[in-house]
N, C-alpha and C. Protein backbone atom coordinates (compact mmCIF):
# COMPACT_ATOMS: atom_id res chain seq x y z
N UNK A 1 10.62 67.10 -114.53
CA UNK A 1 10.18 66.53 -113.31
C UNK A 1 10.60 67.27 -112.05
N UNK A 2 9.66 67.44 -111.25
CA UNK A 2 9.90 68.21 -110.15
C UNK A 2 10.28 67.26 -108.96
N UNK A 3 11.35 67.73 -108.22
CA UNK A 3 11.81 66.90 -107.16
C UNK A 3 10.95 67.04 -105.89
N UNK A 4 10.89 66.07 -105.19
CA UNK A 4 10.08 65.95 -104.03
C UNK A 4 10.97 66.51 -102.88
N UNK A 5 10.47 67.11 -101.72
CA UNK A 5 11.26 67.60 -100.64
C UNK A 5 11.94 66.51 -100.02
N UNK A 6 13.20 66.66 -99.74
CA UNK A 6 14.11 65.59 -99.16
C UNK A 6 14.69 64.60 -100.04
N UNK A 7 14.34 64.75 -101.39
CA UNK A 7 14.88 63.85 -102.30
C UNK A 7 16.31 64.25 -102.64
N UNK A 8 17.09 63.23 -103.17
CA UNK A 8 18.47 63.33 -103.43
C UNK A 8 18.61 64.16 -104.72
N UNK A 9 19.50 65.16 -104.63
CA UNK A 9 19.72 66.16 -105.69
C UNK A 9 20.27 65.44 -106.90
N UNK A 10 21.03 64.42 -106.77
CA UNK A 10 21.73 63.73 -107.84
C UNK A 10 21.07 62.20 -107.85
N UNK A 11 20.58 61.85 -108.91
CA UNK A 11 19.76 60.59 -108.95
C UNK A 11 20.82 59.41 -108.70
N UNK A 12 22.13 59.47 -109.21
CA UNK A 12 22.92 58.23 -108.97
C UNK A 12 23.36 58.03 -107.54
N UNK A 13 23.23 59.08 -106.78
CA UNK A 13 23.72 58.91 -105.30
C UNK A 13 22.56 58.72 -104.42
N UNK A 14 21.41 58.21 -104.97
CA UNK A 14 20.28 57.94 -103.97
C UNK A 14 20.61 56.76 -103.08
N UNK A 15 21.54 55.80 -103.57
CA UNK A 15 21.80 54.76 -102.60
C UNK A 15 22.56 55.29 -101.36
N UNK A 16 23.32 56.40 -101.52
CA UNK A 16 23.98 57.03 -100.30
C UNK A 16 23.26 58.05 -99.75
N UNK A 17 22.08 58.22 -100.07
CA UNK A 17 21.14 59.29 -99.37
C UNK A 17 20.12 58.74 -98.47
N UNK A 18 19.76 59.17 -97.46
CA UNK A 18 20.45 60.21 -96.55
C UNK A 18 21.75 59.86 -95.98
N UNK A 19 22.56 60.80 -95.66
CA UNK A 19 23.94 60.36 -95.11
C UNK A 19 23.65 59.78 -93.74
N UNK A 20 24.55 58.72 -93.49
CA UNK A 20 24.46 57.87 -92.31
C UNK A 20 24.77 58.80 -91.13
N UNK A 21 24.01 58.48 -89.95
CA UNK A 21 24.12 59.24 -88.87
C UNK A 21 25.53 59.00 -88.19
N UNK A 22 26.02 57.78 -88.22
CA UNK A 22 27.39 57.55 -87.77
C UNK A 22 28.51 58.04 -88.58
N UNK A 23 29.14 59.10 -88.11
CA UNK A 23 30.27 59.70 -88.93
C UNK A 23 31.50 58.84 -88.58
N UNK A 24 32.42 58.92 -89.60
CA UNK A 24 33.76 58.17 -89.45
C UNK A 24 34.55 59.02 -88.50
N UNK A 25 34.88 58.41 -87.30
CA UNK A 25 35.62 59.15 -86.35
C UNK A 25 37.12 58.85 -86.52
N UNK A 26 37.96 59.80 -86.23
CA UNK A 26 39.45 59.57 -86.43
C UNK A 26 39.94 58.46 -85.56
N UNK A 27 40.97 57.69 -86.04
CA UNK A 27 41.49 56.57 -85.31
C UNK A 27 42.23 56.97 -84.21
N UNK A 28 42.28 56.21 -83.07
CA UNK A 28 43.12 56.67 -82.04
C UNK A 28 44.57 56.56 -82.23
N UNK A 29 45.31 57.54 -81.63
CA UNK A 29 46.84 57.61 -81.92
C UNK A 29 47.49 56.39 -81.39
N UNK A 30 48.53 55.82 -82.09
CA UNK A 30 49.39 54.72 -81.51
C UNK A 30 50.41 55.30 -80.50
N UNK A 31 50.79 54.57 -79.61
CA UNK A 31 51.79 54.99 -78.59
C UNK A 31 53.18 55.28 -79.52
N UNK A 32 53.88 56.32 -79.15
CA UNK A 32 55.12 56.62 -79.87
C UNK A 32 56.07 55.51 -79.62
N UNK A 33 56.79 55.17 -80.58
CA UNK A 33 57.83 54.13 -80.40
C UNK A 33 59.12 54.77 -79.80
N UNK A 34 59.64 54.22 -78.91
CA UNK A 34 60.93 54.63 -78.27
C UNK A 34 62.10 54.65 -79.21
N UNK A 35 62.82 55.78 -79.18
CA UNK A 35 64.00 55.93 -80.06
C UNK A 35 65.10 55.04 -79.53
N UNK A 36 65.88 54.43 -80.50
CA UNK A 36 66.86 53.57 -80.29
C UNK A 36 68.18 54.43 -80.06
N UNK A 37 69.13 53.70 -79.29
CA UNK A 37 70.36 54.46 -78.99
C UNK A 37 71.09 54.51 -80.33
N UNK A 38 71.93 55.66 -80.66
CA UNK A 38 72.78 55.51 -81.74
C UNK A 38 73.91 54.64 -81.73
N UNK A 39 74.32 53.85 -82.73
CA UNK A 39 75.45 53.04 -82.73
C UNK A 39 76.63 53.90 -83.14
N UNK A 40 77.83 53.55 -82.60
CA UNK A 40 79.01 54.30 -83.01
C UNK A 40 79.47 53.84 -84.36
N UNK A 41 79.88 54.90 -85.26
CA UNK A 41 80.22 54.47 -86.59
C UNK A 41 81.58 53.68 -86.59
N UNK A 42 81.76 52.88 -87.56
CA UNK A 42 83.07 52.30 -87.67
C UNK A 42 84.03 53.07 -88.29
N UNK A 43 85.24 52.91 -88.14
CA UNK A 43 86.24 53.87 -88.75
C UNK A 43 86.37 53.28 -90.28
N UNK A 44 86.56 54.44 -91.05
CA UNK A 44 86.53 54.11 -92.52
C UNK A 44 87.92 53.35 -92.86
N UNK A 45 87.70 52.38 -93.65
CA UNK A 45 88.80 51.55 -93.97
C UNK A 45 89.85 52.28 -94.95
N UNK A 46 91.07 52.21 -94.57
CA UNK A 46 92.09 53.14 -95.47
C UNK A 46 92.25 52.25 -96.77
N UNK A 47 92.11 53.05 -97.88
CA UNK A 47 92.38 52.44 -99.22
C UNK A 47 93.75 51.90 -99.34
N UNK A 48 93.91 50.90 -100.10
CA UNK A 48 95.21 50.41 -100.44
C UNK A 48 95.83 50.96 -101.65
N UNK A 49 94.97 51.43 -102.70
CA UNK A 49 95.40 51.86 -103.91
C UNK A 49 95.48 53.32 -103.88
N UNK A 50 96.60 54.01 -104.27
CA UNK A 50 96.81 55.49 -104.31
C UNK A 50 96.42 55.93 -105.72
N UNK A 51 95.52 56.95 -105.70
CA UNK A 51 95.18 57.66 -107.04
C UNK A 51 95.38 59.05 -107.05
N UNK A 52 95.45 59.64 -108.15
CA UNK A 52 95.55 61.15 -108.27
C UNK A 52 97.10 61.59 -108.51
N UNK A 53 97.17 62.89 -108.18
CA UNK A 53 98.38 63.57 -108.69
C UNK A 53 99.59 63.05 -107.67
N UNK A 54 99.38 62.85 -106.42
CA UNK A 54 100.41 62.44 -105.45
C UNK A 54 100.47 60.94 -105.10
N UNK A 55 99.92 60.09 -106.14
CA UNK A 55 99.87 58.69 -105.89
C UNK A 55 101.15 58.06 -105.57
N UNK A 56 102.15 58.40 -106.34
CA UNK A 56 103.49 57.79 -106.18
C UNK A 56 104.08 58.35 -104.93
N UNK A 57 103.80 59.58 -104.50
CA UNK A 57 104.44 60.12 -103.26
C UNK A 57 103.91 59.31 -102.17
N UNK A 58 102.45 59.06 -102.20
CA UNK A 58 101.81 58.43 -101.00
C UNK A 58 102.38 56.97 -100.85
N UNK A 59 102.68 56.25 -102.02
CA UNK A 59 103.10 54.96 -101.91
C UNK A 59 104.52 54.93 -101.44
N UNK A 60 105.45 55.83 -101.85
CA UNK A 60 106.88 56.07 -101.52
C UNK A 60 107.10 56.24 -100.04
N UNK A 61 106.02 57.10 -99.66
CA UNK A 61 106.16 57.29 -98.11
C UNK A 61 105.47 56.21 -97.23
N UNK A 62 104.79 55.36 -97.89
CA UNK A 62 104.19 54.30 -97.13
C UNK A 62 102.71 54.48 -96.68
N UNK A 63 102.25 55.44 -97.13
CA UNK A 63 100.71 55.77 -96.82
C UNK A 63 99.74 54.84 -97.51
N UNK A 64 100.06 54.40 -98.71
CA UNK A 64 99.36 53.48 -99.50
C UNK A 64 100.23 52.23 -99.90
N UNK A 65 99.48 51.27 -100.44
CA UNK A 65 100.19 49.97 -100.70
C UNK A 65 100.87 50.17 -102.12
N UNK A 66 100.03 50.54 -103.15
CA UNK A 66 100.47 50.60 -104.42
C UNK A 66 99.56 51.63 -105.16
N UNK A 67 100.19 52.00 -106.40
CA UNK A 67 99.49 52.93 -107.38
C UNK A 67 98.37 52.15 -108.13
N UNK A 68 97.65 53.03 -108.92
CA UNK A 68 96.55 52.28 -109.67
C UNK A 68 97.27 51.49 -110.76
N UNK A 69 98.46 51.78 -111.13
CA UNK A 69 99.19 50.85 -112.09
C UNK A 69 99.83 49.73 -111.48
N UNK A 70 99.77 49.63 -110.13
CA UNK A 70 100.24 48.35 -109.59
C UNK A 70 101.67 48.51 -109.12
N UNK A 71 102.29 49.74 -109.21
CA UNK A 71 103.71 49.97 -108.69
C UNK A 71 103.74 50.07 -107.20
N UNK A 72 104.56 49.17 -106.55
CA UNK A 72 104.70 49.23 -105.02
C UNK A 72 105.93 50.17 -104.68
N UNK A 73 106.12 50.37 -103.38
CA UNK A 73 107.23 51.16 -102.98
C UNK A 73 108.68 50.75 -103.47
N UNK A 74 108.86 49.41 -103.64
CA UNK A 74 110.03 48.92 -103.97
C UNK A 74 110.39 49.34 -105.45
N UNK A 75 109.39 49.63 -106.32
CA UNK A 75 109.53 50.10 -107.76
C UNK A 75 109.66 51.60 -107.90
N UNK A 76 109.70 52.32 -106.84
CA UNK A 76 109.79 53.90 -106.89
C UNK A 76 111.01 54.37 -106.47
N UNK A 77 111.50 55.47 -106.85
CA UNK A 77 112.71 56.14 -106.46
C UNK A 77 112.62 57.67 -106.68
N UNK A 78 113.47 58.45 -105.98
CA UNK A 78 113.50 59.84 -106.19
C UNK A 78 114.48 60.22 -107.31
N UNK A 79 114.31 60.97 -108.30
CA UNK A 79 115.20 61.41 -109.29
C UNK A 79 116.03 62.62 -108.80
N UNK A 80 116.92 62.94 -109.62
CA UNK A 80 117.92 64.11 -109.12
C UNK A 80 117.23 65.41 -108.83
N UNK A 81 116.00 65.56 -109.29
CA UNK A 81 115.24 66.72 -108.89
C UNK A 81 114.27 66.62 -107.62
N UNK A 82 114.46 65.47 -107.19
CA UNK A 82 113.55 65.17 -106.01
C UNK A 82 112.20 64.67 -106.25
N UNK A 83 111.81 64.38 -107.45
CA UNK A 83 110.45 63.93 -107.86
C UNK A 83 110.49 62.38 -107.78
N UNK A 84 109.44 61.77 -107.30
CA UNK A 84 109.19 60.43 -107.12
C UNK A 84 108.77 59.82 -108.46
N UNK A 85 109.57 58.90 -108.93
CA UNK A 85 109.36 58.45 -110.24
C UNK A 85 109.54 56.94 -110.32
N UNK A 86 108.98 56.20 -111.31
CA UNK A 86 109.18 54.64 -111.34
C UNK A 86 110.53 54.28 -111.58
N UNK A 87 111.13 53.38 -111.11
CA UNK A 87 112.46 52.96 -111.34
C UNK A 87 112.54 52.42 -112.75
N UNK A 88 111.48 51.65 -113.32
CA UNK A 88 111.52 51.20 -114.65
C UNK A 88 111.57 52.40 -115.78
N UNK A 89 110.67 53.39 -115.40
CA UNK A 89 110.54 54.60 -116.27
C UNK A 89 111.83 55.37 -116.40
N UNK A 90 112.53 55.39 -115.21
CA UNK A 90 113.82 56.11 -115.20
C UNK A 90 114.82 55.40 -115.98
N UNK A 91 114.93 54.08 -115.74
CA UNK A 91 115.91 53.29 -116.44
C UNK A 91 115.57 53.34 -117.93
N UNK A 92 114.36 53.28 -118.38
CA UNK A 92 114.07 53.46 -119.79
C UNK A 92 114.43 54.80 -120.43
N UNK A 93 114.32 55.94 -119.59
CA UNK A 93 114.63 57.19 -120.03
C UNK A 93 116.12 57.34 -120.21
N UNK A 94 116.94 56.78 -119.27
CA UNK A 94 118.27 56.75 -119.24
C UNK A 94 118.74 56.01 -120.53
N UNK A 95 118.23 54.85 -120.75
CA UNK A 95 118.68 53.95 -121.87
C UNK A 95 118.39 54.71 -123.26
N UNK A 96 117.28 55.61 -123.35
CA UNK A 96 116.87 56.27 -124.44
C UNK A 96 117.86 57.33 -124.68
N UNK A 97 118.22 58.08 -123.53
CA UNK A 97 119.08 59.32 -123.72
C UNK A 97 120.41 58.86 -124.12
N UNK A 98 120.96 57.64 -123.87
CA UNK A 98 122.28 57.33 -124.17
C UNK A 98 122.50 57.20 -125.69
N UNK A 99 121.35 57.15 -126.44
CA UNK A 99 121.56 57.11 -127.93
C UNK A 99 121.74 58.46 -128.47
N UNK A 100 121.41 59.58 -127.81
CA UNK A 100 121.56 60.92 -128.36
C UNK A 100 122.41 61.74 -127.41
N UNK A 101 123.09 61.06 -126.50
CA UNK A 101 124.04 61.78 -125.56
C UNK A 101 125.26 62.36 -126.23
N UNK A 102 125.86 61.74 -127.08
CA UNK A 102 127.03 62.12 -127.80
C UNK A 102 126.66 63.28 -128.68
N UNK A 103 125.56 63.17 -129.38
CA UNK A 103 124.96 64.24 -130.36
C UNK A 103 124.83 65.57 -129.53
N UNK A 104 124.12 65.36 -128.33
CA UNK A 104 123.78 66.54 -127.52
C UNK A 104 125.15 67.28 -127.01
N UNK A 105 126.08 66.56 -126.63
CA UNK A 105 127.35 67.14 -126.24
C UNK A 105 128.04 67.84 -127.31
N UNK A 106 128.11 67.26 -128.51
CA UNK A 106 128.75 67.81 -129.72
C UNK A 106 128.00 69.13 -130.12
N UNK A 107 126.67 69.13 -130.02
CA UNK A 107 125.92 70.21 -130.33
C UNK A 107 126.07 71.41 -129.40
N UNK A 108 126.20 71.04 -128.09
CA UNK A 108 126.33 72.17 -127.17
C UNK A 108 127.80 72.93 -127.33
N UNK A 109 128.84 71.99 -127.67
CA UNK A 109 130.16 72.47 -127.97
C UNK A 109 130.08 73.40 -129.19
N UNK A 110 129.34 73.00 -130.20
CA UNK A 110 129.22 73.83 -131.47
C UNK A 110 128.70 75.16 -131.19
N UNK A 111 127.68 75.21 -130.28
CA UNK A 111 126.87 76.38 -129.88
C UNK A 111 127.83 77.27 -129.23
N UNK A 112 128.70 76.79 -128.37
CA UNK A 112 129.77 77.57 -127.64
C UNK A 112 130.84 78.10 -128.58
N UNK A 113 131.21 77.30 -129.56
CA UNK A 113 132.27 77.73 -130.53
C UNK A 113 131.64 78.85 -131.39
N UNK A 114 130.40 78.78 -131.81
CA UNK A 114 129.76 79.76 -132.52
C UNK A 114 129.25 80.95 -131.79
N UNK A 115 129.38 80.96 -130.52
CA UNK A 115 128.80 82.05 -129.64
C UNK A 115 127.39 82.25 -129.84
N UNK A 116 126.56 81.15 -129.92
CA UNK A 116 125.09 81.13 -130.16
C UNK A 116 124.34 81.26 -128.86
N UNK A 117 123.32 82.27 -128.76
CA UNK A 117 122.52 82.21 -127.60
C UNK A 117 121.20 82.21 -128.06
N UNK A 118 120.19 81.54 -127.20
CA UNK A 118 118.89 81.52 -127.52
C UNK A 118 118.57 80.50 -128.57
N UNK A 119 117.37 80.45 -129.26
CA UNK A 119 116.86 79.45 -130.20
C UNK A 119 117.48 79.73 -131.60
N UNK A 120 118.20 78.73 -132.17
CA UNK A 120 118.64 78.70 -133.57
C UNK A 120 118.29 77.46 -134.08
N UNK A 121 117.60 77.64 -135.32
CA UNK A 121 117.22 76.43 -136.08
C UNK A 121 118.35 75.56 -136.60
N UNK A 122 118.32 74.26 -136.53
CA UNK A 122 119.24 73.45 -137.18
C UNK A 122 118.78 72.78 -138.47
N UNK A 123 119.52 73.04 -139.51
CA UNK A 123 119.24 72.37 -140.83
C UNK A 123 117.86 72.69 -141.27
N UNK A 124 117.34 73.95 -140.95
CA UNK A 124 116.02 74.41 -141.26
C UNK A 124 114.86 73.71 -140.38
N UNK A 125 115.17 73.16 -139.32
CA UNK A 125 114.16 72.50 -138.52
C UNK A 125 113.92 73.18 -137.30
């Protein structure tokens, strides 16, 4: 079939042919909205729970309220080396050491009597 002059090249688009004379015009721009003034940011709330390596130190100095385990400043102390430790843990350690304190002293005396220096196995252990 030969096409007539001015006929639509694609038969399914014949409803849209010829193109309408009125083209779609771009919509007018809206007026720019005024920018709002920036609000001042609130100060960040200081956390109450201390976490990490220096958690006990922060609580001991009063920078935080308690550790993640719930230990407050009243439950902390400095040991003889100057490290901040829990009073309960320190008391438990002292109680445990009392059980072997006599043996340790006797052992050190024996090392001095035998002029032993460095590592020496005891009873094959």
